[in-house]
Amino acid sequence: MADNNFKSNGESALLDLRREIYRKLTADKSLNLNVLYLRNKDIKALSLYQKLEEVISLSFVIIYSTIKVWGFSNISLC
């Protein structure tokens, strides 16, 4: 992750995301990132993670139009 110039919060979020995705995808296919402080580039990096295609419900605070730009348009917003 050092090659991608992520901030420590972004690195932590990516690691948490991978753990959460593997755990949650077998459960209810939702993911809550509300407790993480993510910058735009961190969220963009998360959107590129392949396993997000399997997430049905993603919960975090951000403007909807920005989510569509990053390819989250198929995810229902809570």
PDB file of N, CA and C in Angstrom:
ATOM      1  N   MET A   1       0.814  -1.195   0.000  1.00  0.00           N
ATOM      2  CA  MET A   1       0.000   0.000   0.000  1.00  0.00           C
ATOM      3  C   MET A   1       0.856   1.256   0.000  1.00  0.00           C
ATOM      4  N   ALA A   2       2.103   1.120   0.388  1.00  0.00           N
ATOM      5  CA  ALA A   2       2.988   2.282   0.418  1.00  0.00           C
ATOM      6  C   ALA A   2       3.179   2.850  -0.985  1.00  0.00           C
ATOM      7  N   ASP A   3       3.137   1.997  -1.992  1.00  0.00           N
ATOM      8  CA  ASP A   3       3.300   2.453  -3.372  1.00  0.00           C
ATOM      9  C   ASP A   3       2.157   3.349  -3.826  1.00  0.00           C
ATOM     10  N   ASN A   4       1.003   3.220  -3.210  1.00  0.00           N
ATOM     11  CA  ASN A   4      -0.182   3.969  -3.627  1.00  0.00           C
ATOM     12  C   ASN A   4      -0.359   5.284  -2.894  1.00  0.00           C
ATOM     13  N   ASN A   5       0.564   5.622  -2.000  1.00  0.00           N
ATOM     14  CA  ASN A   5       0.561   6.904  -1.297  1.00  0.00           C
ATOM     15  C   ASN A   5      -0.727   7.133  -0.502  1.00  0.00           C
ATOM     16  N   PHE A   6      -1.192   6.116   0.198  1.00  0.00           N
ATOM     17  CA  PHE A   6      -2.367   6.253   1.044  1.00  0.00           C
ATOM     18  C   PHE A   6      -1.975   6.863   2.375  1.00  0.00           C
ATOM     19  N   LYS A   7      -2.868   7.614   2.958  1.00  0.00           N
ATOM     20  CA  LYS A   7      -2.690   8.073   4.333  1.00  0.00           C
ATOM     21  C   LYS A   7      -2.934   6.883   5.262  1.00  0.00           C
ATOM     22  N   SER A   8      -2.526   7.015   6.520  1.00  0.00           N
ATOM     23  CA  SER A   8      -2.688   5.894   7.455  1.00  0.00           C
ATOM     24  C   SER A   8      -4.155   5.504   7.624  1.00  0.00           C
ATOM     25  N   ASN A   9      -5.053   6.489   7.593  1.00  0.00           N
ATOM     26  CA  ASN A   9      -6.481   6.175   7.694  1.00  0.00           C
ATOM     27  C   ASN A   9      -6.953   5.362   6.497  1.00  0.00           C
ATOM     28  N   GLY A  10      -6.441   5.689   5.328  1.00  0.00           N
ATOM     29  CA  GLY A  10      -6.813   4.960   4.120  1.00  0.00           C
ATOM     30  C   GLY A  10      -6.296   3.533   4.146  1.00  0.00           C
ATOM     31  N   GLU A  11      -5.050   3.351   4.593  1.00  0.00           N
ATOM     32  CA  GLU A  11      -4.486   2.007   4.701  1.00  0.00           C
ATOM     33  C   GLU A  11      -5.294   1.167   5.680  1.00  0.00           C
ATOM     34  N   SER A  12      -5.602   1.767   6.808  1.00  0.00           N
ATOM     35  CA  SER A  12      -6.390   1.065   7.821  1.00  0.00           C
ATOM     36  C   SER A  12      -7.762   0.700   7.267  1.00  0.00           C
ATOM     37  N   ALA A  13      -8.366   1.629   6.537  1.00  0.00           N
ATOM     38  CA  ALA A  13      -9.692   1.376   5.962  1.00  0.00           C
ATOM     39  C   ALA A  13      -9.645   0.245   4.948  1.00  0.00           C
ATOM     40  N   LEU A  14      -8.606   0.217   4.117  1.00  0.00           N
ATOM     41  CA  LEU A  14      -8.493  -0.852   3.127  1.00  0.00           C
ATOM     42  C   LEU A  14      -8.340  -2.212   3.798  1.00  0.00           C
ATOM     43  N   LEU A  15      -7.520  -2.272   4.834  1.00  0.00           N
ATOM     44  CA  LEU A  15      -7.347  -3.533   5.549  1.00  0.00           C
ATOM     45  C   LEU A  15      -8.641  -3.944   6.247  1.00  0.00           C
ATOM     46  N   ASP A  16      -9.294  -2.969   6.880  1.00  0.00           N
ATOM     47  CA  ASP A  16     -10.579  -3.248   7.529  1.00  0.00           C
ATOM     48  C   ASP A  16     -11.617  -3.687   6.505  1.00  0.00           C
ATOM     49  N   LEU A  17     -11.599  -3.029   5.347  1.00  0.00           N
ATOM     50  CA  LEU A  17     -12.559  -3.352   4.301  1.00  0.00           C
ATOM     51  C   LEU A  17     -12.402  -4.796   3.857  1.00  0.00           C
ATOM     52  N   ARG A  18     -11.179  -5.221   3.629  1.00  0.00           N
ATOM     53  CA  ARG A  18     -10.970  -6.606   3.188  1.00  0.00           C
ATOM     54  C   ARG A  18     -11.476  -7.598   4.236  1.00  0.00           C
ATOM     55  N   ARG A  19     -11.161  -7.322   5.501  1.00  0.00           N
ATOM     56  CA  ARG A  19     -11.637  -8.202   6.573  1.00  0.00           C
ATOM     57  C   ARG A  19     -13.159  -8.199   6.637  1.00  0.00           C
ATOM     58  N   GLU A  20     -13.734  -7.018   6.587  1.00  0.00           N
ATOM     59  CA  GLU A  20     -15.192  -6.884   6.674  1.00  0.00           C
ATOM     60  C   GLU A  20     -15.891  -7.540   5.489  1.00  0.00           C
ATOM     61  N   ILE A  21     -15.341  -7.332   4.302  1.00  0.00           N
ATOM     62  CA  ILE A  21     -15.988  -7.888   3.110  1.00  0.00           C
ATOM     63  C   ILE A  21     -16.047  -9.407   3.188  1.00  0.00           C
ATOM     64  N   TYR A  22     -14.943 -10.042   3.539  1.00  0.00           N
ATOM     65  CA  TYR A  22     -14.954 -11.502   3.620  1.00  0.00           C
ATOM     66  C   TYR A  22     -15.902 -11.997   4.704  1.00  0.00           C
ATOM     67  N   ARG A  23     -15.999 -11.248   5.797  1.00  0.00           N
ATOM     68  CA  ARG A  23     -16.888 -11.648   6.886  1.00  0.00           C
ATOM     69  C   ARG A  23     -18.350 -11.361   6.533  1.00  0.00           C
ATOM     70  N   LYS A  24     -18.616 -10.190   5.990  1.00  0.00           N
ATOM     71  CA  LYS A  24     -19.989  -9.753   5.751  1.00  0.00           C
ATOM     72  C   LYS A  24     -20.622 -10.390   4.520  1.00  0.00           C
ATOM     73  N   LEU A  25     -19.846 -10.702   3.515  1.00  0.00           N
ATOM     74  CA  LEU A  25     -20.440 -11.248   2.299  1.00  0.00           C
ATOM     75  C   LEU A  25     -21.098 -12.594   2.546  1.00  0.00           C
ATOM     76  N   THR A  26     -20.675 -13.272   3.588  1.00  0.00           N
ATOM     77  CA  THR A  26     -21.334 -14.528   3.914  1.00  0.00           C
ATOM     78  C   THR A  26     -22.565 -14.285   4.781  1.00  0.00           C
ATOM     79  N   ALA A  27     -22.710 -13.073   5.279  1.00  0.00           N
ATOM     80  CA  ALA A  27     -23.841 -12.748   6.158  1.00  0.00           C
ATOM     81  C   ALA A  27     -24.927 -12.009   5.383  1.00  0.00           C
ATOM     82  N   ASP A  28     -24.988 -10.692   5.515  1.00  0.00           N
ATOM     83  CA  ASP A  28     -26.111  -9.939   4.941  1.00  0.00           C
ATOM     84  C   ASP A  28     -25.741  -9.046   3.759  1.00  0.00           C
ATOM     85  N   LYS A  29     -24.542  -9.148   3.262  1.00  0.00           N
ATOM     86  CA  LYS A  29     -24.077  -8.386   2.096  1.00  0.00           C
ATOM     87  C   LYS A  29     -24.208  -6.872   2.266  1.00  0.00           C
ATOM     88  N   SER A  30     -23.908  -6.376   3.471  1.00  0.00           N
ATOM     89  CA  SER A  30     -23.888  -4.932   3.696  1.00  0.00           C
ATOM     90  C   SER A  30     -22.559  -4.554   4.326  1.00  0.00           C
ATOM     91  N   LEU A  31     -22.192  -3.304   4.222  1.00  0.00           N
ATOM     92  CA  LEU A  31     -20.908  -2.842   4.734  1.00  0.00           C
ATOM     93  C   LEU A  31     -21.083  -1.437   5.284  1.00  0.00           C
ATOM     94  N   ASN A  32     -20.664  -1.217   6.526  1.00  0.00           N
ATOM     95  CA  ASN A  32     -20.815   0.079   7.175  1.00  0.00           C
ATOM     96  C   ASN A  32     -19.446   0.699   7.409  1.00  0.00           C
ATOM     97  N   LEU A  33     -19.176   1.822   6.747  1.00  0.00           N
ATOM     98  CA  LEU A  33     -17.897   2.519   6.892  1.00  0.00           C
ATOM     99  C   LEU A  33     -18.064   3.852   7.609  1.00  0.00           C
ATOM    100  N   ASN A  34     -19.177   4.031   8.318  1.00  0.00           N
ATOM    101  CA  ASN A  34     -19.454   5.313   8.973  1.00  0.00           C
ATOM    102  C   ASN A  34     -18.419   5.706  10.007  1.00  0.00           C
ATOM    103  N   VAL A  35     -17.807   4.742  10.673  1.00  0.00           N
ATOM    104  CA  VAL A  35     -16.882   5.059  11.764  1.00  0.00           C
ATOM    105  C   VAL A  35     -15.495   5.445  11.263  1.00  0.00           C
ATOM    106  N   LEU A  36     -15.233   5.291   9.982  1.00  0.00           N
ATOM    107  CA  LEU A  36     -13.912   5.595   9.436  1.00  0.00           C
ATOM    108  C   LEU A  36     -13.865   7.008   8.872  1.00  0.00           C
ATOM    109  N   TYR A  37     -12.746   7.689   9.096  1.00  0.00           N
ATOM    110  CA  TYR A  37     -12.546   9.014   8.512  1.00  0.00           C
ATOM    111  C   TYR A  37     -11.779   8.818   7.209  1.00  0.00           C
ATOM    112  N   LEU A  38     -12.472   8.906   6.081  1.00  0.00           N
ATOM    113  CA  LEU A  38     -11.862   8.635   4.782  1.00  0.00           C
ATOM    114  C   LEU A  38     -11.803   9.894   3.941  1.00  0.00           C
ATOM    115  N   ARG A  39     -10.680  10.075   3.278  1.00  0.00           N
ATOM    116  CA  ARG A  39     -10.537  11.174   2.322  1.00  0.00           C
ATOM    117  C   ARG A  39     -11.018  10.681   0.955  1.00  0.00           C
ATOM    118  N   ASN A  40     -11.181  11.604   0.016  1.00  0.00           N
ATOM    119  CA  ASN A  40     -11.690  11.238  -1.306  1.00  0.00           C
ATOM    120  C   ASN A  40     -10.858  10.152  -1.973  1.00  0.00           C
ATOM    121  N   LYS A  41      -9.522  10.277  -1.922  1.00  0.00           N
ATOM    122  CA  LYS A  41      -8.698   9.281  -2.611  1.00  0.00           C
ATOM    123  C   LYS A  41      -8.783   7.918  -1.932  1.00  0.00           C
ATOM    124  N   ASP A  42      -9.028   7.909  -0.612  1.00  0.00           N
ATOM    125  CA  ASP A  42      -9.197   6.644   0.094  1.00  0.00           C
ATOM    126  C   ASP A  42     -10.478   5.950  -0.353  1.00  0.00           C
ATOM    127  N   ILE A  43     -11.549   6.716  -0.480  1.00  0.00           N
ATOM    128  CA  ILE A  43     -12.826   6.151  -0.917  1.00  0.00           C
ATOM    129  C   ILE A  43     -12.731   5.694  -2.366  1.00  0.00           C
ATOM    130  N   LYS A  44     -12.030   6.450  -3.191  1.00  0.00           N
ATOM    131  CA  LYS A  44     -11.851   6.043  -4.584  1.00  0.00           C
ATOM    132  C   LYS A  44     -11.098   4.719  -4.652  1.00  0.00           C
ATOM    133  N   ALA A  45     -10.062   4.565  -3.834  1.00  0.00           N
ATOM    134  CA  ALA A  45      -9.307   3.315  -3.806  1.00  0.00           C
ATOM    135  C   ALA A  45     -10.197   2.153  -3.376  1.00  0.00           C
ATOM    136  N   LEU A  46     -11.058   2.393  -2.397  1.00  0.00           N
ATOM    137  CA  LEU A  46     -11.976   1.347  -1.956  1.00  0.00           C
ATOM    138  C   LEU A  46     -12.934   0.952  -3.075  1.00  0.00           C
ATOM    139  N   SER A  47     -13.345   1.918  -3.868  1.00  0.00           N
ATOM    140  CA  SER A  47     -14.295   1.628  -4.944  1.00  0.00           C
ATOM    141  C   SER A  47     -13.686   0.739  -6.020  1.00  0.00           C
ATOM    142  N   LEU A  48     -12.362   0.710  -6.101  1.00  0.00           N
ATOM    143  CA  LEU A  48     -11.685  -0.108  -7.102  1.00  0.00           C
ATOM    144  C   LEU A  48     -11.499  -1.554  -6.648  1.00  0.00           C
ATOM    145  N   TYR A  49     -11.807  -1.834  -5.389  1.00  0.00           N
ATOM    146  CA  TYR A  49     -11.625  -3.174  -4.850  1.00  0.00           C
ATOM    147  C   TYR A  49     -12.690  -4.100  -5.430  1.00  0.00           C
ATOM    148  N   GLN A  50     -12.276  -5.193  -6.056  1.00  0.00           N
ATOM    149  CA  GLN A  50     -13.185  -6.079  -6.791  1.00  0.00           C
ATOM    150  C   GLN A  50     -14.346  -6.605  -5.961  1.00  0.00           C
ATOM    151  N   LYS A  51     -14.107  -6.944  -4.721  1.00  0.00           N
ATOM    152  CA  LYS A  51     -15.148  -7.555  -3.903  1.00  0.00           C
ATOM    153  C   LYS A  51     -16.314  -6.610  -3.633  1.00  0.00           C
ATOM    154  N   LEU A  52     -16.147  -5.306  -3.870  1.00  0.00           N
ATOM    155  CA  LEU A  52     -17.259  -4.375  -3.652  1.00  0.00           C
ATOM    156  C   LEU A  52     -18.415  -4.641  -4.601  1.00  0.00           C
ATOM    157  N   GLU A  53     -18.153  -5.334  -5.702  1.00  0.00           N
ATOM    158  CA  GLU A  53     -19.231  -5.670  -6.627  1.00  0.00           C
ATOM    159  C   GLU A  53     -20.270  -6.565  -5.958  1.00  0.00           C
ATOM    160  N   GLU A  54     -19.843  -7.301  -4.928  1.00  0.00           N
ATOM    161  CA  GLU A  54     -20.740  -8.227  -4.253  1.00  0.00           C
ATOM    162  C   GLU A  54     -21.489  -7.583  -3.086  1.00  0.00           C
ATOM    163  N   VAL A  55     -21.129  -6.359  -2.739  1.00  0.00           N
ATOM    164  CA  VAL A  55     -21.779  -5.678  -1.620  1.00  0.00           C
ATOM    165  C   VAL A  55     -23.103  -5.092  -2.092  1.00  0.00           C
ATOM    166  N   ILE A  56     -24.164  -5.399  -1.398  1.00  0.00           N
ATOM    167  CA  ILE A  56     -25.486  -4.896  -1.771  1.00  0.00           C
ATOM    168  C   ILE A  56     -25.779  -3.564  -1.097  1.00  0.00           C
ATOM    169  N   SER A  57     -25.394  -3.418   0.150  1.00  0.00           N
ATOM    170  CA  SER A  57     -25.682  -2.199   0.902  1.00  0.00           C
ATOM    171  C   SER A  57     -24.399  -1.639   1.493  1.00  0.00           C
ATOM    172  N   LEU A  58     -24.087  -0.400   1.148  1.00  0.00           N
ATOM    173  CA  LEU A  58     -22.885   0.263   1.647  1.00  0.00           C
ATOM    174  C   LEU A  58     -23.313   1.506   2.402  1.00  0.00           C
ATOM    175  N   SER A  59     -22.840   1.665   3.619  1.00  0.00           N
ATOM    176  CA  SER A  59     -23.252   2.798   4.440  1.00  0.00           C
ATOM    177  C   SER A  59     -22.046   3.625   4.848  1.00  0.00           C
ATOM    178  N   PHE A  60     -21.987   4.859   4.365  1.00  0.00           N
ATOM    179  CA  PHE A  60     -21.010   5.835   4.829  1.00  0.00           C
ATOM    180  C   PHE A  60     -21.473   7.210   4.408  1.00  0.00           C
ATOM    181  N   VAL A  61     -20.942   8.231   5.048  1.00  0.00           N
ATOM    182  CA  VAL A  61     -21.402   9.591   4.821  1.00  0.00           C
ATOM    183  C   VAL A  61     -20.617  10.211   3.671  1.00  0.00           C
ATOM    184  N   ILE A  62     -21.306  10.531   2.591  1.00  0.00           N
ATOM    185  CA  ILE A  62     -20.690  11.178   1.425  1.00  0.00           C
ATOM    186  C   ILE A  62     -21.816  11.650   0.500  1.00  0.00           C
ATOM    187  N   ILE A  63     -21.501  12.525  -0.405  1.00  0.00           N
ATOM    188  CA  ILE A  63     -22.495  13.045  -1.345  1.00  0.00           C
ATOM    189  C   ILE A  63     -22.783  11.995  -2.417  1.00  0.00           C
ATOM    190  N   TYR A  64     -24.050  11.751  -2.698  1.00  0.00           N
ATOM    191  CA  TYR A  64     -24.474  10.707  -3.637  1.00  0.00           C
ATOM    192  C   TYR A  64     -23.869  10.868  -5.025  1.00  0.00           C
ATOM    193  N   SER A  65     -23.803  12.084  -5.555  1.00  0.00           N
ATOM    194  CA  SER A  65     -23.281  12.274  -6.912  1.00  0.00           C
ATOM    195  C   SER A  65     -21.830  11.828  -7.014  1.00  0.00           C
ATOM    196  N   THR A  66     -21.070  11.980  -5.935  1.00  0.00           N
ATOM    197  CA  THR A  66     -19.683  11.534  -5.933  1.00  0.00           C
ATOM    198  C   THR A  66     -19.620  10.018  -5.988  1.00  0.00           C
ATOM    199  N   ILE A  67     -20.526   9.348  -5.314  1.00  0.00           N
ATOM    200  CA  ILE A  67     -20.552   7.891  -5.317  1.00  0.00           C
ATOM    201  C   ILE A  67     -20.779   7.374  -6.730  1.00  0.00           C
ATOM    202  N   LYS A  68     -21.672   7.995  -7.478  1.00  0.00           N
ATOM    203  CA  LYS A  68     -21.949   7.549  -8.843  1.00  0.00           C
ATOM    204  C   LYS A  68     -20.707   7.662  -9.723  1.00  0.00           C
ATOM    205  N   VAL A  69     -19.914   8.708  -9.518  1.00  0.00           N
ATOM    206  CA  VAL A  69     -18.693   8.889 -10.300  1.00  0.00           C
ATOM    207  C   VAL A  69     -17.728   7.743 -10.044  1.00  0.00           C
ATOM    208  N   TRP A  70     -17.679   7.254  -8.815  1.00  0.00           N
ATOM    209  CA  TRP A  70     -16.732   6.195  -8.468  1.00  0.00           C
ATOM    210  C   TRP A  70     -17.245   4.803  -8.785  1.00  0.00           C
ATOM    211  N   GLY A  71     -18.412   4.667  -9.347  1.00  0.00           N
ATOM    212  CA  GLY A  71     -18.908   3.369  -9.753  1.00  0.00           C
ATOM    213  C   GLY A  71     -19.739   2.644  -8.713  1.00  0.00           C
ATOM    214  N   PHE A  72     -20.242   3.358  -7.711  1.00  0.00           N
ATOM    215  CA  PHE A  72     -21.075   2.741  -6.696  1.00  0.00           C
ATOM    216  C   PHE A  72     -22.552   2.819  -7.056  1.00  0.00           C
ATOM    217  N   SER A  73     -22.895   3.132  -8.277  1.00  0.00           N
ATOM    218  CA  SER A  73     -24.285   3.407  -8.626  1.00  0.00           C
ATOM    219  C   SER A  73     -25.205   2.204  -8.429  1.00  0.00           C
ATOM    220  N   ASN A  74     -24.652   0.981  -8.401  1.00  0.00           N
ATOM    221  CA  ASN A  74     -25.502  -0.195  -8.234  1.00  0.00           C
ATOM    222  C   ASN A  74     -25.755  -0.533  -6.772  1.00  0.00           C
ATOM    223  N   ILE A  75     -25.223   0.258  -5.845  1.00  0.00           N
ATOM    224  CA  ILE A  75     -25.366  -0.011  -4.418  1.00  0.00           C
ATOM    225  C   ILE A  75     -26.478   0.862  -3.851  1.00  0.00           C
ATOM    226  N   SER A  76     -27.355   0.247  -3.072  1.00  0.00           N
ATOM    227  CA  SER A  76     -28.428   1.031  -2.461  1.00  0.00           C
ATOM    228  C   SER A  76     -27.871   1.868  -1.327  1.00  0.00           C
ATOM    229  N   LEU A  77     -28.325   3.115  -1.250  1.00  0.00           N
ATOM    230  CA  LEU A  77     -27.837   4.025  -0.215  1.00  0.00           C
ATOM    231  C   LEU A  77     -28.785   4.026   0.967  1.00  0.00           C
ATOM    232  N   CYS A  78     -28.218   3.957   2.173  1.00  0.00           N
ATOM    233  CA  CYS A  78     -29.020   3.933   3.398  1.00  0.00           C
ATOM    234  C   CYS A  78     -28.990   5.289   4.057  1.00  0.00           C
TER     235      CYS A  78
END
